[in-house]
PDB file of N, CA and C in Angstrom:
ATOM      1  N   MET A   1     -13.659 -12.933 -11.938  1.00  0.00           N
ATOM      2  CA  MET A   1     -14.370 -11.819 -11.376  1.00  0.00           C
ATOM      3  C   MET A   1     -13.607 -11.337 -10.159  1.00  0.00           C
ATOM      4  N   GLN A   2     -13.378 -10.049 -10.097  1.00  0.00           N
ATOM      5  CA  GLN A   2     -12.687  -9.456  -8.959  1.00  0.00           C
ATOM      6  C   GLN A   2     -13.430  -8.217  -8.503  1.00  0.00           C
ATOM      7  N   ARG A   3     -13.279  -7.913  -7.226  1.00  0.00           N
ATOM      8  CA  ARG A   3     -13.852  -6.707  -6.653  1.00  0.00           C
ATOM      9  C   ARG A   3     -12.755  -5.918  -5.961  1.00  0.00           C
ATOM     10  N   ALA A   4     -12.806  -4.617  -6.166  1.00  0.00           N
ATOM     11  CA  ALA A   4     -11.850  -3.727  -5.499  1.00  0.00           C
ATOM     12  C   ALA A   4     -12.537  -3.059  -4.319  1.00  0.00           C
ATOM     13  N   THR A   5     -11.793  -2.905  -3.238  1.00  0.00           N
ATOM     14  CA  THR A   5     -12.275  -2.127  -2.102  1.00  0.00           C
ATOM     15  C   THR A   5     -11.249  -1.052  -1.821  1.00  0.00           C
ATOM     16  N   ARG A   6     -11.690   0.030  -1.232  1.00  0.00           N
ATOM     17  CA  ARG A   6     -10.804   1.166  -0.980  1.00  0.00           C
ATOM     18  C   ARG A   6     -10.157   1.022   0.384  1.00  0.00           C
ATOM     19  N   ASP A   7      -9.081   0.307   0.383  1.00  0.00           N
ATOM     20  CA  ASP A   7      -8.279   0.119   1.576  1.00  0.00           C
ATOM     21  C   ASP A   7      -6.879  -0.215   1.103  1.00  0.00           C
ATOM     22  N   TYR A   8      -5.941  -0.250   1.970  1.00  0.00           N
ATOM     23  CA  TYR A   8      -4.567  -0.552   1.595  1.00  0.00           C
ATOM     24  C   TYR A   8      -4.248  -1.974   2.040  1.00  0.00           C
ATOM     25  N   GLY A   9      -3.235  -2.540   1.434  1.00  0.00           N
ATOM     26  CA  GLY A   9      -2.742  -3.835   1.877  1.00  0.00           C
ATOM     27  C   GLY A   9      -3.529  -5.008   1.334  1.00  0.00           C
ATOM     28  N   HIS A  10      -3.182  -6.169   1.822  1.00  0.00           N
ATOM     29  CA  HIS A  10      -3.788  -7.421   1.386  1.00  0.00           C
ATOM     30  C   HIS A  10      -4.744  -7.908   2.467  1.00  0.00           C
ATOM     31  N   CYS A  11      -5.934  -8.303   2.062  1.00  0.00           N
ATOM     32  CA  CYS A  11      -6.946  -8.840   2.989  1.00  0.00           C
ATOM     33  C   CYS A  11      -7.356  -7.825   4.064  1.00  0.00           C
ATOM     34  N   THR A  12      -7.508  -6.579   3.679  1.00  0.00           N
ATOM     35  CA  THR A  12      -7.914  -5.553   4.634  1.00  0.00           C
ATOM     36  C   THR A  12      -9.377  -5.178   4.445  1.00  0.00           C
ATOM     37  N   PHE A  13     -10.189  -6.163   4.100  1.00  0.00           N
ATOM     38  CA  PHE A  13     -11.615  -5.920   3.925  1.00  0.00           C
ATOM     39  C   PHE A  13     -12.332  -6.060   5.267  1.00  0.00           C
ATOM     40  N   THR A  14     -13.503  -5.448   5.339  1.00  0.00           N
ATOM     41  CA  THR A  14     -14.283  -5.493   6.572  1.00  0.00           C
ATOM     42  C   THR A  14     -15.088  -6.797   6.628  1.00  0.00           C
ATOM     43  N   PRO A  15     -15.597  -7.150   7.792  1.00  0.00           N
ATOM     44  CA  PRO A  15     -16.459  -8.332   7.873  1.00  0.00           C
ATOM     45  C   PRO A  15     -17.661  -8.239   6.929  1.00  0.00           C
ATOM     46  N   ALA A  16     -18.247  -7.055   6.806  1.00  0.00           N
ATOM     47  CA  ALA A  16     -19.394  -6.889   5.898  1.00  0.00           C
ATOM     48  C   ALA A  16     -18.993  -7.137   4.448  1.00  0.00           C
ATOM     49  N   GLU A  17     -17.822  -6.638   4.042  1.00  0.00           N
ATOM     50  CA  GLU A  17     -17.344  -6.871   2.677  1.00  0.00           C
ATOM     51  C   GLU A  17     -17.089  -8.355   2.444  1.00  0.00           C
ATOM     52  N   LEU A  18     -16.518  -9.027   3.419  1.00  0.00           N
ATOM     53  CA  LEU A  18     -16.247 -10.451   3.311  1.00  0.00           C
ATOM     54  C   LEU A  18     -17.538 -11.251   3.166  1.00  0.00           C
ATOM     55  N   VAL A  19     -18.502 -10.982   4.024  1.00  0.00           N
ATOM     56  CA  VAL A  19     -19.765 -11.732   3.991  1.00  0.00           C
ATOM     57  C   VAL A  19     -20.502 -11.503   2.678  1.00  0.00           C
ATOM     58  N   THR A  20     -20.603 -10.249   2.256  1.00  0.00           N
ATOM     59  CA  THR A  20     -21.303  -9.942   1.003  1.00  0.00           C
ATOM     60  C   THR A  20     -20.657 -10.657  -0.178  1.00  0.00           C
ATOM     61  N   THR A  21     -19.340 -10.601  -0.240  1.00  0.00           N
ATOM     62  CA  THR A  21     -18.630 -11.234  -1.344  1.00  0.00           C
ATOM     63  C   THR A  21     -18.775 -12.751  -1.303  1.00  0.00           C
ATOM     64  N   PHE A  22     -18.697 -13.332  -0.119  1.00  0.00           N
ATOM     65  CA  PHE A  22     -18.832 -14.781  -0.004  1.00  0.00           C
ATOM     66  C   PHE A  22     -20.247 -15.234  -0.381  1.00  0.00           C
ATOM     67  N   VAL A  23     -21.253 -14.521   0.060  1.00  0.00           N
ATOM     68  CA  VAL A  23     -22.640 -14.855  -0.298  1.00  0.00           C
ATOM     69  C   VAL A  23     -22.823 -14.789  -1.811  1.00  0.00           C
ATOM     70  N   ASP A  24     -22.268 -13.749  -2.436  1.00  0.00           N
ATOM     71  CA  ASP A  24     -22.368 -13.643  -3.895  1.00  0.00           C
ATOM     72  C   ASP A  24     -21.630 -14.779  -4.591  1.00  0.00           C
ATOM     73  N   LEU A  25     -20.494 -15.204  -4.041  1.00  0.00           N
ATOM     74  CA  LEU A  25     -19.759 -16.335  -4.597  1.00  0.00           C
ATOM     75  C   LEU A  25     -20.588 -17.616  -4.514  1.00  0.00           C
ATOM     76  N   VAL A  26     -21.205 -17.867  -3.372  1.00  0.00           N
ATOM     77  CA  VAL A  26     -22.033 -19.065  -3.203  1.00  0.00           C
ATOM     78  C   VAL A  26     -23.210 -19.039  -4.183  1.00  0.00           C
ATOM     79  N   LYS A  27     -23.844 -17.891  -4.338  1.00  0.00           N
ATOM     80  CA  LYS A  27     -24.947 -17.770  -5.304  1.00  0.00           C
ATOM     81  C   LYS A  27     -24.464 -18.084  -6.715  1.00  0.00           C
ATOM     82  N   TRP A  28     -23.240 -17.653  -7.036  1.00  0.00           N
ATOM     83  CA  TRP A  28     -22.670 -17.911  -8.360  1.00  0.00           C
ATOM     84  C   TRP A  28     -22.431 -19.406  -8.546  1.00  0.00           C
ATOM     85  N   VAL A  29     -21.851 -20.050  -7.557  1.00  0.00           N
ATOM     86  CA  VAL A  29     -21.541 -21.478  -7.646  1.00  0.00           C
ATOM     87  C   VAL A  29     -22.823 -22.309  -7.683  1.00  0.00           C
ATOM     88  N   GLU A  30     -23.760 -21.979  -6.813  1.00  0.00           N
ATOM     89  CA  GLU A  30     -24.976 -22.794  -6.704  1.00  0.00           C
ATOM     90  C   GLU A  30     -26.056 -22.417  -7.712  1.00  0.00           C
ATOM     91  N   GLY A  31     -26.088 -21.162  -8.133  1.00  0.00           N
ATOM     92  CA  GLY A  31     -27.161 -20.725  -9.021  1.00  0.00           C
ATOM     93  C   GLY A  31     -26.724 -20.323 -10.407  1.00  0.00           C
ATOM     94  N   GLY A  32     -25.430 -20.218 -10.621  1.00  0.00           N
ATOM     95  CA  GLY A  32     -24.919 -19.895 -11.943  1.00  0.00           C
ATOM     96  C   GLY A  32     -25.000 -18.425 -12.327  1.00  0.00           C
ATOM     97  N   VAL A  33     -25.350 -17.563 -11.379  1.00  0.00           N
ATOM     98  CA  VAL A  33     -25.453 -16.142 -11.687  1.00  0.00           C
ATOM     99  C   VAL A  33     -24.158 -15.448 -11.277  1.00  0.00           C
ATOM    100  N   LYS A  34     -23.386 -15.014 -12.271  1.00  0.00           N
ATOM    101  CA  LYS A  34     -22.105 -14.365 -11.993  1.00  0.00           C
ATOM    102  C   LYS A  34     -22.366 -12.992 -11.363  1.00  0.00           C
ATOM    103  N   PRO A  35     -21.751 -12.719 -10.221  1.00  0.00           N
ATOM    104  CA  PRO A  35     -21.956 -11.423  -9.570  1.00  0.00           C
ATOM    105  C   PRO A  35     -21.195 -10.297 -10.277  1.00  0.00           C
ATOM    106  N   GLU A  36     -21.553  -9.083  -9.932  1.00  0.00           N
ATOM    107  CA  GLU A  36     -20.853  -7.918 -10.467  1.00  0.00           C
ATOM    108  C   GLU A  36     -19.441  -7.852  -9.897  1.00  0.00           C
ATOM    109  N   GLY A  37     -18.578  -7.213 -10.631  1.00  0.00           N
ATOM    110  CA  GLY A  37     -17.214  -7.020 -10.172  1.00  0.00           C
ATOM    111  C   GLY A  37     -16.654  -5.727 -10.728  1.00  0.00           C
ATOM    112  N   ASP A  38     -15.379  -5.503 -10.503  1.00  0.00           N
ATOM    113  CA  ASP A  38     -14.683  -4.326 -11.018  1.00  0.00           C
ATOM    114  C   ASP A  38     -13.744  -4.740 -12.134  1.00  0.00           C
ATOM    115  N   ASP A  39     -13.578  -3.862 -13.113  1.00  0.00           N
ATOM    116  CA  ASP A  39     -12.695  -4.118 -14.246  1.00  0.00           C
ATOM    117  C   ASP A  39     -11.271  -3.733 -13.849  1.00  0.00           C
ATOM    118  N   VAL A  40     -10.627  -4.593 -13.070  1.00  0.00           N
ATOM    119  CA  VAL A  40      -9.312  -4.290 -12.508  1.00  0.00           C
ATOM    120  C   VAL A  40      -8.187  -4.296 -13.540  1.00  0.00           C
ATOM    121  N   LEU A  41      -8.442  -4.819 -14.727  1.00  0.00           N
ATOM    122  CA  LEU A  41      -7.416  -4.854 -15.769  1.00  0.00           C
ATOM    123  C   LEU A  41      -7.511  -3.673 -16.725  1.00  0.00           C
ATOM    124  N   ASN A  42      -8.474  -2.787 -16.510  1.00  0.00           N
ATOM    125  CA  ASN A  42      -8.661  -1.629 -17.373  1.00  0.00           C
ATOM    126  C   ASN A  42      -8.057  -0.398 -16.685  1.00  0.00           C
ATOM    127  N   PRO A  43      -6.910   0.097 -17.165  1.00  0.00           N
ATOM    128  CA  PRO A  43      -6.264   1.236 -16.510  1.00  0.00           C
ATOM    129  C   PRO A  43      -7.167   2.466 -16.371  1.00  0.00           C
ATOM    130  N   ALA A  44      -8.008   2.712 -17.366  1.00  0.00           N
ATOM    131  CA  ALA A  44      -8.909   3.872 -17.294  1.00  0.00           C
ATOM    132  C   ALA A  44      -9.938   3.685 -16.186  1.00  0.00           C
ATOM    133  N   ALA A  45     -10.443   2.472 -16.026  1.00  0.00           N
ATOM    134  CA  ALA A  45     -11.411   2.202 -14.956  1.00  0.00           C
ATOM    135  C   ALA A  45     -10.748   2.349 -13.587  1.00  0.00           C
ATOM    136  N   VAL A  46      -9.537   1.850 -13.452  1.00  0.00           N
ATOM    137  CA  VAL A  46      -8.814   1.929 -12.180  1.00  0.00           C
ATOM    138  C   VAL A  46      -8.495   3.386 -11.833  1.00  0.00           C
ATOM    139  N   ALA A  47      -8.215   4.222 -12.824  1.00  0.00           N
ATOM    140  CA  ALA A  47      -7.882   5.632 -12.594  1.00  0.00           C
ATOM    141  C   ALA A  47      -9.115   6.493 -12.323  1.00  0.00           C
ATOM    142  N   ASP A  48     -10.309   5.977 -12.598  1.00  0.00           N
ATOM    143  CA  ASP A  48     -11.537   6.738 -12.398  1.00  0.00           C
ATOM    144  C   ASP A  48     -11.774   6.953 -10.901  1.00  0.00           C
ATOM    145  N   PRO A  49     -12.074   8.180 -10.456  1.00  0.00           N
ATOM    146  CA  PRO A  49     -12.222   8.459  -9.023  1.00  0.00           C
ATOM    147  C   PRO A  49     -13.148   7.521  -8.242  1.00  0.00           C
ATOM    148  N   PRO A  50     -14.255   7.060  -8.808  1.00  0.00           N
ATOM    149  CA  PRO A  50     -15.096   6.169  -8.002  1.00  0.00           C
ATOM    150  C   PRO A  50     -14.652   4.699  -7.996  1.00  0.00           C
ATOM    151  N   PHE A  51     -13.508   4.384  -8.636  1.00  0.00           N
ATOM    152  CA  PHE A  51     -13.067   2.992  -8.656  1.00  0.00           C
ATOM    153  C   PHE A  51     -12.893   2.473  -7.231  1.00  0.00           C
ATOM    154  N   GLY A  52     -13.444   1.310  -6.972  1.00  0.00           N
ATOM    155  CA  GLY A  52     -13.345   0.692  -5.654  1.00  0.00           C
ATOM    156  C   GLY A  52     -14.445   1.096  -4.693  1.00  0.00           C
ATOM    157  N   CYS A  53     -15.286   2.031  -5.087  1.00  0.00           N
ATOM    158  CA  CYS A  53     -16.343   2.509  -4.178  1.00  0.00           C
ATOM    159  C   CYS A  53     -17.548   1.562  -4.122  1.00  0.00           C
ATOM    160  N   LYS A  54     -17.873   0.941  -5.225  1.00  0.00           N
ATOM    161  CA  LYS A  54     -19.103   0.149  -5.305  1.00  0.00           C
ATOM    162  C   LYS A  54     -19.157  -0.972  -4.268  1.00  0.00           C
ATOM    163  N   PHE A  55     -18.035  -1.606  -4.004  1.00  0.00           N
ATOM    164  CA  PHE A  55     -18.028  -2.757  -3.104  1.00  0.00           C
ATOM    165  C   PHE A  55     -17.348  -2.467  -1.760  1.00  0.00           C
ATOM    166  N   THR A  56     -17.060  -1.209  -1.492  1.00  0.00           N
ATOM    167  CA  THR A  56     -16.430  -0.823  -0.232  1.00  0.00           C
ATOM    168  C   THR A  56     -17.497  -0.524   0.805  1.00  0.00           C
ATOM    169  N   ASP A  57     -17.341  -1.115   1.974  1.00  0.00           N
ATOM    170  CA  ASP A  57     -18.218  -0.850   3.111  1.00  0.00           C
ATOM    171  C   ASP A  57     -18.071   0.618   3.489  1.00  0.00           C
ATOM    172  N   LYS A  58     -19.167   1.351   3.487  1.00  0.00           N
ATOM    173  CA  LYS A  58     -19.097   2.792   3.746  1.00  0.00           C
ATOM    174  C   LYS A  58     -19.121   3.133   5.238  1.00  0.00           C
ATOM    175  N   VAL A  59     -19.167   2.129   6.093  1.00  0.00           N
ATOM    176  CA  VAL A  59     -19.257   2.378   7.523  1.00  0.00           C
ATOM    177  C   VAL A  59     -17.862   2.347   8.143  1.00  0.00           C
ATOM    178  N   PRO A  60     -17.413   3.484   8.728  1.00  0.00           N
ATOM    179  CA  PRO A  60     -16.110   3.471   9.396  1.00  0.00           C
ATOM    180  C   PRO A  60     -16.201   2.647  10.672  1.00  0.00           C
ATOM    181  N   PRO A  61     -15.138   2.308  11.306  1.00  0.00           N
ATOM    182  CA  PRO A  61     -13.792   2.789  11.004  1.00  0.00           C
ATOM    183  C   PRO A  61     -13.026   1.840  10.088  1.00  0.00           C
ATOM    184  N   ARG A  62     -12.177   2.417   9.284  1.00  0.00           N
ATOM    185  CA  ARG A  62     -11.180   1.665   8.532  1.00  0.00           C
ATOM    186  C   ARG A  62      -9.871   1.830   9.308  1.00  0.00           C
ATOM    187  N   GLN A  63      -8.833   1.152   8.898  1.00  0.00           N
ATOM    188  CA  GLN A  63      -7.553   1.223   9.618  1.00  0.00           C
ATOM    189  C   GLN A  63      -7.048   2.656   9.754  1.00  0.00           C
ATOM    190  N   TRP A  64      -7.179   3.454   8.701  1.00  0.00           N
ATOM    191  CA  TRP A  64      -6.648   4.820   8.742  1.00  0.00           C
ATOM    192  C   TRP A  64      -7.456   5.728   9.661  1.00  0.00           C
ATOM    193  N   ASP A  65      -8.683   5.304  10.019  1.00  0.00           N
ATOM    194  CA  ASP A  65      -9.495   6.077  10.952  1.00  0.00           C
ATOM    195  C   ASP A  65      -9.101   5.808  12.408  1.00  0.00           C
ATOM    196  N   THR A  66      -8.516   4.666  12.672  1.00  0.00           N
ATOM    197  CA  THR A  66      -8.223   4.275  14.048  1.00  0.00           C
ATOM    198  C   THR A  66      -6.741   4.360  14.419  1.00  0.00           C
ATOM    199  N   VAL A  67      -5.869   4.390  13.422  1.00  0.00           N
ATOM    200  CA  VAL A  67      -4.427   4.461  13.671  1.00  0.00           C
ATOM    201  C   VAL A  67      -3.914   5.754  13.037  1.00  0.00           C
ATOM    202  N   PRO A  68      -3.683   6.791  13.846  1.00  0.00           N
ATOM    203  CA  PRO A  68      -3.276   8.087  13.289  1.00  0.00           C
ATOM    204  C   PRO A  68      -2.091   8.018  12.329  1.00  0.00           C
ATOM    205  N   ALA A  69      -1.146   7.144  12.568  1.00  0.00           N
ATOM    206  CA  ALA A  69       0.036   7.053  11.703  1.00  0.00           C
ATOM    207  C   ALA A  69      -0.316   6.561  10.299  1.00  0.00           C
ATOM    208  N   LEU A  70      -1.507   5.994  10.126  1.00  0.00           N
ATOM    209  CA  LEU A  70      -1.918   5.482   8.817  1.00  0.00           C
ATOM    210  C   LEU A  70      -2.833   6.445   8.073  1.00  0.00           C
ATOM    211  N   ALA A  71      -3.100   7.613   8.625  1.00  0.00           N
ATOM    212  CA  ALA A  71      -4.027   8.565   8.001  1.00  0.00           C
ATOM    213  C   ALA A  71      -3.604   8.926   6.582  1.00  0.00           C
ATOM    214  N   PHE A  72      -2.299   8.922   6.306  1.00  0.00           N
ATOM    215  CA  PHE A  72      -1.832   9.262   4.968  1.00  0.00           C
ATOM    216  C   PHE A  72      -2.290   8.262   3.909  1.00  0.00           C
ATOM    217  N   LEU A  73      -2.720   7.074   4.316  1.00  0.00           N
ATOM    218  CA  LEU A  73      -3.174   6.041   3.379  1.00  0.00           C
ATOM    219  C   LEU A  73      -4.636   6.221   2.961  1.00  0.00           C
ATOM    220  N   LYS A  74      -5.351   7.095   3.645  1.00  0.00           N
ATOM    221  CA  LYS A  74      -6.786   7.254   3.382  1.00  0.00           C
ATOM    222  C   LYS A  74      -7.010   7.743   1.948  1.00  0.00           C
ATOM    223  N   PRO A  75      -7.783   6.993   1.151  1.00  0.00           N
ATOM    224  CA  PRO A  75      -8.045   7.426  -0.215  1.00  0.00           C
ATOM    225  C   PRO A  75      -9.059   8.567  -0.223  1.00  0.00           C
ATOM    226  N   PRO A  76      -9.178   9.265  -1.336  1.00  0.00           N
ATOM    227  CA  PRO A  76     -10.201  10.301  -1.429  1.00  0.00           C
ATOM    228  C   PRO A  76     -11.575   9.684  -1.191  1.00  0.00           C
ATOM    229  N   ALA A  77     -12.479  10.491  -0.682  1.00  0.00           N
ATOM    230  CA  ALA A  77     -13.832  10.004  -0.429  1.00  0.00           C
ATOM    231  C   ALA A  77     -14.493   9.564  -1.728  1.00  0.00           C
ATOM    232  N   CYS A  78     -15.348   8.577  -1.615  1.00  0.00           N
ATOM    233  CA  CYS A  78     -16.114   8.134  -2.772  1.00  0.00           C
ATOM    234  C   CYS A  78     -17.129   9.215  -3.136  1.00  0.00           C
ATOM    235  N   PRO A  79     -17.338   9.442  -4.425  1.00  0.00           N
ATOM    236  CA  PRO A  79     -18.352  10.413  -4.835  1.00  0.00           C
ATOM    237  C   PRO A  79     -19.724  10.003  -4.315  1.00  0.00           C
ATOM    238  N   ALA A  80     -20.556  10.972  -4.000  1.00  0.00           N
ATOM    239  CA  ALA A  80     -21.908  10.675  -3.535  1.00  0.00           C
ATOM    240  C   ALA A  80     -22.696   9.989  -4.641  1.00  0.00           C
ATOM    241  N   ASN A  81     -23.496   9.015  -4.224  1.00  0.00           N
ATOM    242  CA  ASN A  81     -24.293   8.273  -5.217  1.00  0.00           C
ATOM    243  C   ASN A  81     -25.518   9.041  -5.614  1.00  0.00           C
TER     244      ASN A  81
END
């Protein structure tokens, strides 16, 4: 099971994303309920505009919001739910 977040680089998740994912992992290990994830091996799913939105913390700032030189890395906004 894997989850995608809309950020660049390795381990660039927010504290909220980390806590949510870890809590879901513990529930899976202790309770046997596999959490939701993203289909990262499906090229069509990865190319879909909302890919990575479901598990991305919607509260700024992300790196590209605070470092002007990184603004070019900002992905398109997630579609409204």
